[in-house]
Amino acid sequence: MVKGFRISRPLLLRSSVLLAVLMLMFVSVQAIRIDRQSGAASYLTSTIYSPTENRWYSVKIPARLDFAGEPVPLHDPDVRKRLDRELLINSYWHSQTLFLLKEYRQVVPLIEPILERHGMHKDFIYLCIAESNLQHTAQSPQGALGLWQLMKPTAQKYGLTINAEIDERLHPEKATEAAIRYLKDAKERFGSWTMAAAAFNRGMEGLEAAVRNQKTNNYYELYLNPETARYVYRILALKIILQNPQQYGFFLTAEDEYPAQPYRVVTVDTTISSLPDFARQHGTSYKTLRLLNPWLISYSLTNKERRPYQIKLPA
């Protein structure tokens, strides 16, 4: 013993408390040991704090699956593995998938009627979600923009206006129209909606080169760049989960969802020198005007051609 060394009472007390806390932590860890689930998972939303009851389960792949009416070859082990990966990622990316479920009712009604009017399969909603997570102003590092993540040359080719005051890639309805035209052109070129979806990600020329070199136009048989190789599987995973959220551990009520913003439309065919003033004149703010019309990207709207613009205002 060191001469003169003595343990003080406060130090002894702190040491005892620390030891007690460590013992409690050890007991708690032992108590929450995860056992293999012998039967089907049971979710009791009134009593549990975690949708998985502190257990992590392998996700189940449906017995049959299609994209836009085209069957997915689930008998292929590589196809199953790739789909399983995307199901796992999106099932256990809880915050993002919950956010998608919450905002679905706020965004999808803007684009779904347009898809229906053009005879497009509802599955293309999930392509849109895969592109932007339903964020109107989503922007990629490569410069793709909006719900459908259109690149500037592609958007202009399909009739969208882009200038210092307007970017119609951010116009949900007009961008949807442009995306549909692109997808229909790709379907005509490659012969299937699955390949059209792949072209939406890879570009028609890039996908055409893969088809030519590999001598197949079957998406599930092509060896593609990593992003496009995952793309259709991510769309399929989102379709499966968002159509069957409770089966994958997501529980929401209608009250949890973000409500759609009621709006009215005014047609303007003259220059608006100040959009903040325009907003105040119509009983709203510039912020609300931009949220309802994300395609307006400046503080003014020059309109020398007297082109009619439909602007949304709060109802």
C-alpha atoms as a PDB file:
ATOM      1  CA  MET A   1       0.000   0.000   0.000  1.00  0.00           C
ATOM      2  CA  VAL A   2       1.188   3.491  -0.797  1.00  0.00           C
ATOM      3  CA  LYS A   3       1.840   5.378   2.370  1.00  0.00           C
ATOM      4  CA  GLY A   4      -0.826   7.971   3.109  1.00  0.00           C
ATOM      5  CA  PHE A   5      -3.232   6.808   0.329  1.00  0.00           C
ATOM      6  CA  ARG A   6      -6.879   6.681   1.369  1.00  0.00           C
ATOM      7  CA  ILE A   7     -10.072   6.261  -0.725  1.00  0.00           C
ATOM      8  CA  SER A   8     -12.459   9.119  -0.069  1.00  0.00           C
ATOM      9  CA  ARG A   9     -16.116   8.432   0.642  1.00  0.00           C
ATOM     10  CA  PRO A  10     -17.379  10.393  -2.478  1.00  0.00           C
ATOM     11  CA  LEU A  11     -15.039   8.401  -4.732  1.00  0.00           C
ATOM     12  CA  LEU A  12     -16.176   5.128  -3.160  1.00  0.00           C
ATOM     13  CA  LEU A  13     -19.804   6.118  -3.646  1.00  0.00           C
ATOM     14  CA  ARG A  14     -19.261   7.008  -7.309  1.00  0.00           C
ATOM     15  CA  SER A  15     -17.472   3.705  -7.878  1.00  0.00           C
ATOM     16  CA  SER A  16     -20.352   1.776  -6.331  1.00  0.00           C
ATOM     17  CA  VAL A  17     -22.905   3.584  -8.499  1.00  0.00           C
ATOM     18  CA  LEU A  18     -20.841   2.907 -11.642  1.00  0.00           C
ATOM     19  CA  LEU A  19     -20.583  -0.790 -10.791  1.00  0.00           C
ATOM     20  CA  ALA A  20     -24.345  -0.972 -10.236  1.00  0.00           C
ATOM     21  CA  VAL A  21     -25.008   0.680 -13.605  1.00  0.00           C
ATOM     22  CA  LEU A  22     -22.662  -1.752 -15.397  1.00  0.00           C
ATOM     23  CA  MET A  23     -24.371  -4.728 -13.768  1.00  0.00           C
ATOM     24  CA  LEU A  24     -27.784  -3.391 -14.802  1.00  0.00           C
ATOM     25  CA  MET A  25     -26.609  -2.933 -18.378  1.00  0.00           C
ATOM     26  CA  PHE A  26     -25.310  -6.515 -18.433  1.00  0.00           C
ATOM     27  CA  VAL A  27     -28.607  -7.865 -17.143  1.00  0.00           C
ATOM     28  CA  SER A  28     -30.536  -5.737 -19.685  1.00  0.00           C
ATOM     29  CA  VAL A  29     -28.433  -7.031 -22.568  1.00  0.00           C
ATOM     30  CA  GLN A  30     -29.049 -10.588 -21.440  1.00  0.00           C
ATOM     31  CA  ALA A  31     -32.777  -9.892 -21.145  1.00  0.00           C
ATOM     32  CA  ILE A  32     -33.144  -8.685 -24.739  1.00  0.00           C
ATOM     33  CA  ARG A  33     -31.271 -11.589 -26.303  1.00  0.00           C
ATOM     34  CA  ILE A  34     -32.888 -12.233 -29.673  1.00  0.00           C
ATOM     35  CA  ASP A  35     -34.220 -15.726 -30.233  1.00  0.00           C
ATOM     36  CA  ARG A  36     -35.155 -17.223 -33.557  1.00  0.00           C
ATOM     37  CA  GLN A  37     -38.833 -16.643 -34.280  1.00  0.00           C
ATOM     38  CA  SER A  38     -40.594 -19.989 -34.475  1.00  0.00           C
ATOM     39  CA  GLY A  39     -43.844 -18.753 -35.988  1.00  0.00           C
ATOM     40  CA  ALA A  40     -45.270 -15.833 -37.920  1.00  0.00           C
ATOM     41  CA  ALA A  41     -44.435 -12.371 -36.605  1.00  0.00           C
ATOM     42  CA  SER A  42     -47.205 -10.720 -34.625  1.00  0.00           C
ATOM     43  CA  TYR A  43     -47.534  -6.947 -34.638  1.00  0.00           C
ATOM     44  CA  LEU A  44     -49.661  -5.390 -31.895  1.00  0.00           C
ATOM     45  CA  THR A  45     -49.678  -1.678 -32.618  1.00  0.00           C
ATOM     46  CA  SER A  46     -51.369  -0.821 -29.335  1.00  0.00           C
ATOM     47  CA  THR A  47     -48.616  -2.316 -27.155  1.00  0.00           C
ATOM     48  CA  ILE A  48     -45.284  -2.271 -28.973  1.00  0.00           C
ATOM     49  CA  TYR A  49     -42.803   0.551 -29.393  1.00  0.00           C
ATOM     50  CA  SER A  50     -40.941  -0.918 -32.337  1.00  0.00           C
ATOM     51  CA  PRO A  51     -42.737  -2.245 -35.445  1.00  0.00           C
ATOM     52  CA  THR A  52     -40.406  -5.254 -35.373  1.00  0.00           C
ATOM     53  CA  GLU A  53     -40.654  -5.954 -31.621  1.00  0.00           C
ATOM     54  CA  ASN A  54     -36.849  -5.620 -31.441  1.00  0.00           C
ATOM     55  CA  ARG A  55     -36.419  -8.518 -33.839  1.00  0.00           C
ATOM     56  CA  TRP A  56     -35.071  -8.364 -37.368  1.00  0.00           C
ATOM     57  CA  TYR A  57     -36.640 -10.690 -39.895  1.00  0.00           C
ATOM     58  CA  SER A  58     -35.714 -11.761 -43.374  1.00  0.00           C
ATOM     59  CA  VAL A  59     -38.225 -10.323 -45.831  1.00  0.00           C
ATOM     60  CA  LYS A  60     -40.447 -12.503 -47.964  1.00  0.00           C
ATOM     61  CA  ILE A  61     -40.454 -12.391 -51.753  1.00  0.00           C
ATOM     62  CA  PRO A  62     -43.910 -12.785 -53.306  1.00  0.00           C
ATOM     63  CA  ALA A  63     -44.666 -15.998 -55.184  1.00  0.00           C
ATOM     64  CA  ARG A  64     -45.428 -13.992 -58.334  1.00  0.00           C
ATOM     65  CA  LEU A  65     -44.437 -10.514 -59.414  1.00  0.00           C
ATOM     66  CA  ASP A  66     -44.673  -8.341 -62.484  1.00  0.00           C
ATOM     67  CA  PHE A  67     -43.657  -4.910 -63.667  1.00  0.00           C
ATOM     68  CA  ALA A  68     -46.277  -3.134 -65.785  1.00  0.00           C
ATOM     69  CA  GLY A  69     -47.856  -6.494 -66.536  1.00  0.00           C
ATOM     70  CA  GLU A  70     -44.553  -8.121 -67.555  1.00  0.00           C
ATOM     71  CA  PRO A  71     -43.587 -11.122 -65.382  1.00  0.00           C
ATOM     72  CA  VAL A  72     -40.429 -11.055 -63.285  1.00  0.00           C
ATOM     73  CA  PRO A  73     -38.453 -14.350 -63.602  1.00  0.00           C
ATOM     74  CA  LEU A  74     -38.342 -15.170 -59.893  1.00  0.00           C
ATOM     75  CA  HIS A  75     -37.135 -18.699 -60.690  1.00  0.00           C
ATOM     76  CA  ASP A  76     -33.733 -17.174 -61.534  1.00  0.00           C
ATOM     77  CA  PRO A  77     -31.545 -17.213 -58.368  1.00  0.00           C
ATOM     78  CA  ASP A  78     -29.735 -14.013 -59.369  1.00  0.00           C
ATOM     79  CA  VAL A  79     -33.030 -12.199 -59.889  1.00  0.00           C
ATOM     80  CA  ARG A  80     -34.265 -13.326 -56.469  1.00  0.00           C
ATOM     81  CA  LYS A  81     -31.051 -12.233 -54.778  1.00  0.00           C
ATOM     82  CA  ARG A  82     -31.099  -8.787 -56.374  1.00  0.00           C
ATOM     83  CA  LEU A  83     -34.759  -8.277 -55.492  1.00  0.00           C
ATOM     84  CA  ASP A  84     -34.141  -9.508 -51.945  1.00  0.00           C
ATOM     85  CA  ARG A  85     -31.356  -6.948 -51.524  1.00  0.00           C
ATOM     86  CA  GLU A  86     -33.621  -4.051 -52.480  1.00  0.00           C
ATOM     87  CA  LEU A  87     -36.438  -5.379 -50.304  1.00  0.00           C
ATOM     88  CA  LEU A  88     -34.090  -5.571 -47.328  1.00  0.00           C
ATOM     89  CA  ILE A  89     -32.738  -2.066 -47.890  1.00  0.00           C
ATOM     90  CA  ASN A  90     -36.148  -0.442 -48.250  1.00  0.00           C
ATOM     91  CA  SER A  91     -37.809  -2.523 -45.522  1.00  0.00           C
ATOM     92  CA  TYR A  92     -35.164  -1.603 -42.964  1.00  0.00           C
ATOM     93  CA  TRP A  93     -34.577   1.973 -44.092  1.00  0.00           C
ATOM     94  CA  HIS A  94     -37.397   2.815 -41.736  1.00  0.00           C
ATOM     95  CA  SER A  95     -37.289   6.599 -41.761  1.00  0.00           C
ATOM     96  CA  GLN A  96     -37.208   6.939 -45.537  1.00  0.00           C
ATOM     97  CA  THR A  97     -39.909   4.356 -46.223  1.00  0.00           C
ATOM     98  CA  LEU A  98     -42.184   5.816 -43.542  1.00  0.00           C
ATOM     99  CA  PHE A  99     -41.686   9.257 -45.047  1.00  0.00           C
ATOM    100  CA  LEU A 100     -42.658   7.915 -48.484  1.00  0.00           C
ATOM    101  CA  LEU A 101     -45.814   6.398 -47.039  1.00  0.00           C
ATOM    102  CA  LYS A 102     -46.681   9.656 -45.312  1.00  0.00           C
ATOM    103  CA  GLU A 103     -46.223  11.857 -48.374  1.00  0.00           C
ATOM    104  CA  TYR A 104     -47.742   9.432 -50.907  1.00  0.00           C
ATOM    105  CA  ARG A 105     -51.210  10.984 -50.683  1.00  0.00           C
ATOM    106  CA  GLN A 106     -49.760  14.472 -51.036  1.00  0.00           C
ATOM    107  CA  VAL A 107     -47.838  13.900 -54.271  1.00  0.00           C
ATOM    108  CA  VAL A 108     -49.120  10.862 -56.174  1.00  0.00           C
ATOM    109  CA  PRO A 109     -52.593  12.362 -56.940  1.00  0.00           C
ATOM    110  CA  LEU A 110     -50.789  14.971 -59.043  1.00  0.00           C
ATOM    111  CA  ILE A 111     -49.318  12.395 -61.426  1.00  0.00           C
ATOM    112  CA  GLU A 112     -51.554   9.321 -61.263  1.00  0.00           C
ATOM    113  CA  PRO A 113     -54.430  10.789 -63.351  1.00  0.00           C
ATOM    114  CA  ILE A 114     -51.950  11.754 -66.091  1.00  0.00           C
ATOM    115  CA  LEU A 115     -50.569   8.220 -66.235  1.00  0.00           C
ATOM    116  CA  GLU A 116     -54.116   6.858 -66.472  1.00  0.00           C
ATOM    117  CA  ARG A 117     -55.073   9.314 -69.204  1.00  0.00           C
ATOM    118  CA  HIS A 118     -52.154   8.123 -71.326  1.00  0.00           C
ATOM    119  CA  GLY A 119     -52.850   4.446 -70.695  1.00  0.00           C
ATOM    120  CA  MET A 120     -49.694   3.999 -68.601  1.00  0.00           C
ATOM    121  CA  HIS A 121     -49.474   1.274 -65.979  1.00  0.00           C
ATOM    122  CA  LYS A 122     -49.691   2.358 -62.342  1.00  0.00           C
ATOM    123  CA  ASP A 123     -46.292   0.769 -61.707  1.00  0.00           C
ATOM    124  CA  PHE A 124     -44.649   3.846 -63.189  1.00  0.00           C
ATOM    125  CA  ILE A 125     -45.595   5.661 -59.988  1.00  0.00           C
ATOM    126  CA  TYR A 126     -42.934   3.528 -58.312  1.00  0.00           C
ATOM    127  CA  LEU A 127     -40.422   4.482 -60.989  1.00  0.00           C
ATOM    128  CA  CYS A 128     -41.081   8.114 -60.090  1.00  0.00           C
ATOM    129  CA  ILE A 129     -40.606   7.294 -56.411  1.00  0.00           C
ATOM    130  CA  ALA A 130     -37.339   5.483 -57.170  1.00  0.00           C
ATOM    131  CA  GLU A 131     -36.117   8.555 -59.035  1.00  0.00           C
ATOM    132  CA  SER A 132     -36.876  11.290 -56.511  1.00  0.00           C
ATOM    133  CA  ASN A 133     -38.477   9.866 -53.349  1.00  0.00           C
ATOM    134  CA  LEU A 134     -41.412  12.110 -54.325  1.00  0.00           C
ATOM    135  CA  GLN A 135     -39.374  15.263 -53.684  1.00  0.00           C
ATOM    136  CA  HIS A 136     -40.424  17.989 -56.122  1.00  0.00           C
ATOM    137  CA  THR A 137     -37.062  19.743 -56.048  1.00  0.00           C
ATOM    138  CA  ALA A 138     -34.798  16.668 -55.911  1.00  0.00           C
ATOM    139  CA  GLN A 139     -31.545  17.226 -57.795  1.00  0.00           C
ATOM    140  CA  SER A 140     -28.841  14.716 -58.639  1.00  0.00           C
ATOM    141  CA  PRO A 141     -25.101  15.492 -58.766  1.00  0.00           C
ATOM    142  CA  GLN A 142     -25.337  15.066 -62.549  1.00  0.00           C
ATOM    143  CA  GLY A 143     -27.997  17.790 -62.807  1.00  0.00           C
ATOM    144  CA  ALA A 144     -31.170  15.715 -63.143  1.00  0.00           C
ATOM    145  CA  LEU A 145     -34.073  17.571 -61.547  1.00  0.00           C
ATOM    146  CA  GLY A 146     -37.613  17.158 -60.288  1.00  0.00           C
ATOM    147  CA  LEU A 147     -39.949  14.277 -59.517  1.00  0.00           C
ATOM    148  CA  TRP A 148     -38.826  12.404 -62.645  1.00  0.00           C
ATOM    149  CA  GLN A 149     -35.164  13.481 -62.472  1.00  0.00           C
ATOM    150  CA  LEU A 150     -35.008  14.693 -66.056  1.00  0.00           C
ATOM    151  CA  MET A 151     -31.753  15.961 -67.487  1.00  0.00           C
ATOM    152  CA  LYS A 152     -31.924  19.356 -69.174  1.00  0.00           C
ATOM    153  CA  PRO A 153     -31.370  18.169 -72.801  1.00  0.00           C
ATOM    154  CA  THR A 154     -33.945  15.394 -72.410  1.00  0.00           C
ATOM    155  CA  ALA A 155     -36.482  17.750 -70.849  1.00  0.00           C
ATOM    156  CA  GLN A 156     -36.083  20.283 -73.645  1.00  0.00           C
ATOM    157  CA  LYS A 157     -36.303  17.539 -76.282  1.00  0.00           C
ATOM    158  CA  TYR A 158     -39.673  16.548 -74.837  1.00  0.00           C
ATOM    159  CA  GLY A 159     -41.056  20.060 -74.780  1.00  0.00           C
ATOM    160  CA  LEU A 160     -40.273  21.499 -71.355  1.00  0.00           C
ATOM    161  CA  THR A 161     -39.259  25.135 -70.916  1.00  0.00           C
ATOM    162  CA  ILE A 162     -36.087  25.856 -68.960  1.00  0.00           C
ATOM    163  CA  ASN A 163     -34.731  29.361 -68.477  1.00  0.00           C
ATOM    164  CA  ALA A 164     -33.657  31.747 -65.727  1.00  0.00           C
ATOM    165  CA  GLU A 165     -37.225  32.108 -64.392  1.00  0.00           C
ATOM    166  CA  ILE A 166     -38.889  28.778 -65.215  1.00  0.00           C
ATOM    167  CA  ASP A 167     -37.821  25.158 -64.999  1.00  0.00           C
ATOM    168  CA  GLU A 168     -40.694  22.900 -66.008  1.00  0.00           C
ATOM    169  CA  ARG A 169     -38.811  19.817 -64.842  1.00  0.00           C
ATOM    170  CA  LEU A 170     -40.150  21.018 -61.477  1.00  0.00           C
ATOM    171  CA  HIS A 171     -43.717  21.194 -62.818  1.00  0.00           C
ATOM    172  CA  PRO A 172     -45.204  17.878 -61.644  1.00  0.00           C
ATOM    173  CA  GLU A 173     -47.857  17.638 -64.346  1.00  0.00           C
ATOM    174  CA  LYS A 174     -45.764  18.820 -67.304  1.00  0.00           C
ATOM    175  CA  ALA A 175     -42.746  16.761 -66.237  1.00  0.00           C
ATOM    176  CA  THR A 176     -45.007  13.710 -66.006  1.00  0.00           C
ATOM    177  CA  GLU A 177     -46.185  14.317 -69.573  1.00  0.00           C
ATOM    178  CA  ALA A 178     -42.554  14.524 -70.751  1.00  0.00           C
ATOM    179  CA  ALA A 179     -41.575  11.369 -68.841  1.00  0.00           C
ATOM    180  CA  ILE A 180     -44.473   9.473 -70.431  1.00  0.00           C
ATOM    181  CA  ARG A 181     -43.393  10.503 -73.918  1.00  0.00           C
ATOM    182  CA  TYR A 182     -39.855   9.324 -73.168  1.00  0.00           C
ATOM    183  CA  LEU A 183     -41.052   6.003 -71.780  1.00  0.00           C
ATOM    184  CA  LYS A 184     -43.308   5.363 -74.763  1.00  0.00           C
ATOM    185  CA  ASP A 185     -40.429   6.072 -77.146  1.00  0.00           C
ATOM    186  CA  ALA A 186     -38.222   3.686 -75.169  1.00  0.00           C
ATOM    187  CA  LYS A 187     -40.923   0.999 -75.187  1.00  0.00           C
ATOM    188  CA  GLU A 188     -41.169   1.276 -78.963  1.00  0.00           C
ATOM    189  CA  ARG A 189     -37.399   1.058 -79.281  1.00  0.00           C
ATOM    190  CA  PHE A 190     -36.717  -1.833 -76.894  1.00  0.00           C
ATOM    191  CA  GLY A 191     -39.987  -3.749 -76.983  1.00  0.00           C
ATOM    192  CA  SER A 192     -40.878  -3.923 -73.274  1.00  0.00           C
ATOM    193  CA  TRP A 193     -41.833  -1.637 -70.414  1.00  0.00           C
ATOM    194  CA  THR A 194     -39.130  -3.198 -68.247  1.00  0.00           C
ATOM    195  CA  MET A 195     -36.476  -2.162 -70.745  1.00  0.00           C
ATOM    196  CA  ALA A 196     -38.131   1.237 -71.103  1.00  0.00           C
ATOM    197  CA  ALA A 197     -37.712   1.690 -67.339  1.00  0.00           C
ATOM    198  CA  ALA A 198     -34.047   0.671 -67.594  1.00  0.00           C
ATOM    199  CA  ALA A 199     -33.573   3.177 -70.432  1.00  0.00           C
ATOM    200  CA  PHE A 200     -35.073   5.895 -68.249  1.00  0.00           C
ATOM    201  CA  ASN A 201     -32.143   5.358 -65.909  1.00  0.00           C
ATOM    202  CA  ARG A 202     -29.338   4.453 -68.316  1.00  0.00           C
ATOM    203  CA  GLY A 203     -30.345   6.465 -71.357  1.00  0.00           C
ATOM    204  CA  MET A 204     -31.444   4.960 -74.639  1.00  0.00           C
ATOM    205  CA  GLU A 205     -28.025   5.072 -76.281  1.00  0.00           C
ATOM    206  CA  GLY A 206     -26.255   3.455 -73.356  1.00  0.00           C
ATOM    207  CA  LEU A 207     -28.840   0.692 -73.087  1.00  0.00           C
ATOM    208  CA  GLU A 208     -28.778   0.184 -76.856  1.00  0.00           C
ATOM    209  CA  ALA A 209     -25.008  -0.391 -76.684  1.00  0.00           C
ATOM    210  CA  ALA A 210     -25.467  -3.065 -74.008  1.00  0.00           C
ATOM    211  CA  VAL A 211     -28.183  -4.777 -76.053  1.00  0.00           C
ATOM    212  CA  ARG A 212     -26.039  -4.733 -79.182  1.00  0.00           C
ATOM    213  CA  ASN A 213     -22.919  -6.070 -77.479  1.00  0.00           C
ATOM    214  CA  GLN A 214     -24.656  -8.730 -75.393  1.00  0.00           C
ATOM    215  CA  LYS A 215     -27.172  -9.761 -78.065  1.00  0.00           C
ATOM    216  CA  THR A 216     -30.240  -9.690 -75.818  1.00  0.00           C
ATOM    217  CA  ASN A 217     -32.866  -7.109 -74.994  1.00  0.00           C
ATOM    218  CA  ASN A 218     -34.035  -8.896 -71.836  1.00  0.00           C
ATOM    219  CA  TYR A 219     -33.287  -6.697 -68.816  1.00  0.00           C
ATOM    220  CA  TYR A 220     -32.909  -9.691 -66.516  1.00  0.00           C
ATOM    221  CA  GLU A 221     -30.236 -11.218 -68.782  1.00  0.00           C
ATOM    222  CA  LEU A 222     -28.158  -8.083 -69.328  1.00  0.00           C
ATOM    223  CA  TYR A 223     -24.912  -7.320 -67.484  1.00  0.00           C
ATOM    224  CA  LEU A 224     -25.315  -3.596 -66.794  1.00  0.00           C
ATOM    225  CA  ASN A 225     -23.645  -0.762 -64.920  1.00  0.00           C
ATOM    226  CA  PRO A 226     -24.294  -1.035 -61.154  1.00  0.00           C
ATOM    227  CA  GLU A 227     -26.937   1.711 -60.963  1.00  0.00           C
ATOM    228  CA  THR A 228     -29.072   0.396 -63.827  1.00  0.00           C
ATOM    229  CA  ALA A 229     -28.549  -3.193 -62.701  1.00  0.00           C
ATOM    230  CA  ARG A 230     -30.243  -2.280 -59.401  1.00  0.00           C
ATOM    231  CA  TYR A 231     -32.797   0.157 -60.823  1.00  0.00           C
ATOM    232  CA  VAL A 232     -35.731  -2.056 -61.798  1.00  0.00           C
ATOM    233  CA  TYR A 233     -35.302  -4.133 -58.642  1.00  0.00           C
ATOM    234  CA  ARG A 234     -35.578  -1.002 -56.522  1.00  0.00           C
ATOM    235  CA  ILE A 235     -38.789  -0.078 -58.350  1.00  0.00           C
ATOM    236  CA  LEU A 236     -40.148  -3.577 -57.717  1.00  0.00           C
ATOM    237  CA  ALA A 237     -39.188  -3.444 -54.033  1.00  0.00           C
ATOM    238  CA  LEU A 238     -40.928  -0.098 -53.589  1.00  0.00           C
ATOM    239  CA  LYS A 239     -44.021  -1.473 -55.317  1.00  0.00           C
ATOM    240  CA  ILE A 240     -44.123  -4.502 -53.024  1.00  0.00           C
ATOM    241  CA  ILE A 241     -43.602  -2.554 -49.787  1.00  0.00           C
ATOM    242  CA  LEU A 242     -45.810   0.435 -50.548  1.00  0.00           C
ATOM    243  CA  GLN A 243     -48.662  -1.794 -51.676  1.00  0.00           C
ATOM    244  CA  ASN A 244     -48.332  -4.017 -48.587  1.00  0.00           C
ATOM    245  CA  PRO A 245     -46.818  -1.818 -45.866  1.00  0.00           C
ATOM    246  CA  GLN A 246     -48.061  -3.762 -42.830  1.00  0.00           C
ATOM    247  CA  GLN A 247     -46.611  -7.007 -44.147  1.00  0.00           C
ATOM    248  CA  TYR A 248     -43.209  -5.300 -44.017  1.00  0.00           C
ATOM    249  CA  GLY A 249     -43.651  -3.735 -40.582  1.00  0.00           C
ATOM    250  CA  PHE A 250     -44.967  -0.257 -41.442  1.00  0.00           C
ATOM    251  CA  PHE A 251     -48.101   0.877 -39.637  1.00  0.00           C
ATOM    252  CA  LEU A 252     -49.777   4.183 -40.436  1.00  0.00           C
ATOM    253  CA  THR A 253     -53.269   5.549 -40.095  1.00  0.00           C
ATOM    254  CA  ALA A 254     -54.873   8.132 -42.362  1.00  0.00           C
ATOM    255  CA  GLU A 255     -54.076  10.714 -39.690  1.00  0.00           C
ATOM    256  CA  ASP A 256     -50.361   9.982 -40.075  1.00  0.00           C
ATOM    257  CA  GLU A 257     -50.348  10.865 -43.771  1.00  0.00           C
ATOM    258  CA  TYR A 258     -49.538  14.353 -44.990  1.00  0.00           C
ATOM    259  CA  PRO A 259     -52.696  15.914 -46.434  1.00  0.00           C
ATOM    260  CA  ALA A 260     -52.769  17.289 -49.942  1.00  0.00           C
ATOM    261  CA  GLN A 261     -52.832  21.083 -50.180  1.00  0.00           C
ATOM    262  CA  PRO A 262     -56.149  22.273 -51.637  1.00  0.00           C
ATOM    263  CA  TYR A 263     -55.543  24.730 -54.444  1.00  0.00           C
ATOM    264  CA  ARG A 264     -57.218  26.767 -57.152  1.00  0.00           C
ATOM    265  CA  VAL A 265     -55.737  27.665 -60.515  1.00  0.00           C
ATOM    266  CA  VAL A 266     -55.462  31.096 -62.096  1.00  0.00           C
ATOM    267  CA  THR A 267     -54.331  31.595 -65.694  1.00  0.00           C
ATOM    268  CA  VAL A 268     -51.808  34.358 -66.296  1.00  0.00           C
ATOM    269  CA  ASP A 269     -50.735  35.502 -69.778  1.00  0.00           C
ATOM    270  CA  THR A 270     -48.837  38.664 -68.874  1.00  0.00           C
ATOM    271  CA  THR A 271     -45.533  39.451 -67.207  1.00  0.00           C
ATOM    272  CA  ILE A 272     -45.444  39.298 -63.417  1.00  0.00           C
ATOM    273  CA  SER A 273     -42.710  41.677 -62.340  1.00  0.00           C
ATOM    274  CA  SER A 274     -42.835  40.620 -58.682  1.00  0.00           C
ATOM    275  CA  LEU A 275     -44.021  37.173 -57.659  1.00  0.00           C
ATOM    276  CA  PRO A 276     -43.931  38.113 -53.939  1.00  0.00           C
ATOM    277  CA  ASP A 277     -46.310  41.003 -54.692  1.00  0.00           C
ATOM    278  CA  PHE A 278     -48.442  38.699 -56.854  1.00  0.00           C
ATOM    279  CA  ALA A 279     -48.667  36.251 -53.963  1.00  0.00           C
ATOM    280  CA  ARG A 280     -49.710  38.930 -51.468  1.00  0.00           C
ATOM    281  CA  GLN A 281     -52.348  40.240 -53.860  1.00  0.00           C
ATOM    282  CA  HIS A 282     -53.862  36.754 -53.855  1.00  0.00           C
ATOM    283  CA  GLY A 283     -53.803  36.384 -50.089  1.00  0.00           C
ATOM    284  CA  THR A 284     -50.782  34.131 -49.729  1.00  0.00           C
ATOM    285  CA  SER A 285     -47.008  34.235 -49.325  1.00  0.00           C
ATOM    286  CA  TYR A 286     -44.170  33.814 -51.777  1.00  0.00           C
ATOM    287  CA  LYS A 287     -43.163  30.661 -49.905  1.00  0.00           C
ATOM    288  CA  THR A 288     -46.594  29.080 -50.414  1.00  0.00           C
ATOM    289  CA  LEU A 289     -46.586  30.171 -54.048  1.00  0.00           C
ATOM    290  CA  ARG A 290     -43.246  28.419 -54.586  1.00  0.00           C
ATOM    291  CA  LEU A 291     -44.352  25.279 -52.750  1.00  0.00           C
ATOM    292  CA  LEU A 292     -47.435  25.003 -54.959  1.00  0.00           C
ATOM    293  CA  ASN A 293     -45.507  26.001 -58.095  1.00  0.00           C
ATOM    294  CA  PRO A 294     -41.923  24.768 -57.730  1.00  0.00           C
ATOM    295  CA  TRP A 295     -41.340  25.400 -61.452  1.00  0.00           C
ATOM    296  CA  LEU A 296     -41.260  29.150 -60.711  1.00  0.00           C
ATOM    297  CA  ILE A 297     -37.586  29.509 -59.802  1.00  0.00           C
ATOM    298  CA  SER A 298     -37.159  33.293 -59.644  1.00  0.00           C
ATOM    299  CA  TYR A 299     -38.877  36.390 -58.235  1.00  0.00           C
ATOM    300  CA  SER A 300     -40.490  37.350 -61.530  1.00  0.00           C
ATOM    301  CA  LEU A 301     -42.140  35.818 -64.589  1.00  0.00           C
ATOM    302  CA  THR A 302     -41.352  37.507 -67.880  1.00  0.00           C
ATOM    303  CA  ASN A 303     -43.942  36.715 -70.535  1.00  0.00           C
ATOM    304  CA  LYS A 304     -43.422  38.736 -73.702  1.00  0.00           C
ATOM    305  CA  GLU A 305     -45.055  36.019 -75.825  1.00  0.00           C
ATOM    306  CA  ARG A 306     -48.297  36.249 -73.771  1.00  0.00           C
ATOM    307  CA  ARG A 307     -48.080  32.526 -73.138  1.00  0.00           C
ATOM    308  CA  PRO A 308     -50.827  31.294 -70.769  1.00  0.00           C
ATOM    309  CA  TYR A 309     -49.432  29.920 -67.509  1.00  0.00           C
ATOM    310  CA  GLN A 310     -51.571  28.127 -64.957  1.00  0.00           C
ATOM    311  CA  ILE A 311     -50.506  29.090 -61.453  1.00  0.00           C
ATOM    312  CA  LYS A 312     -51.749  27.292 -58.357  1.00  0.00           C
ATOM    313  CA  LEU A 313     -52.924  29.310 -55.358  1.00  0.00           C
ATOM    314  CA  PRO A 314     -54.284  28.139 -52.003  1.00  0.00           C
ATOM    315  CA  ALA A 315     -57.994  27.331 -52.185  1.00  0.00           C
END
